[in-house]
């Protein structure tokens, strides 16, 4: 199977599951690092968020994938959840951010 066909098949399988995907040149990882650092220095990314999710990310993919030409980028929707509590005769609506549950992460792993 040709590389373009493989990329198309991967993306269509992701779409079947409700995810988005794209196969891009490996050089885009360096651009991603720059954009994340730039947004961080401008205060667009919270320091705690960066430290929790991105501080250990290895942007130098050539160490682990020396022959890679492309990388698969995926995205999956993770909506907020609404929970209603009834306490002392009152109803309380609480919105739970997607970072507090891992349903989608578990499906992808």
Foldseek 3Di string as FASTA:
>chain_A
DDPVVVQVVVQVVQVVVVKGKGKDFLVVLVVVVVVVVVCVVVVVDDPVNCVVPPPPDDSPCCVVCVPDGIDMDMGHDQDWDWDWDADPNDIDIDIHGSVVDCPVVVVVD
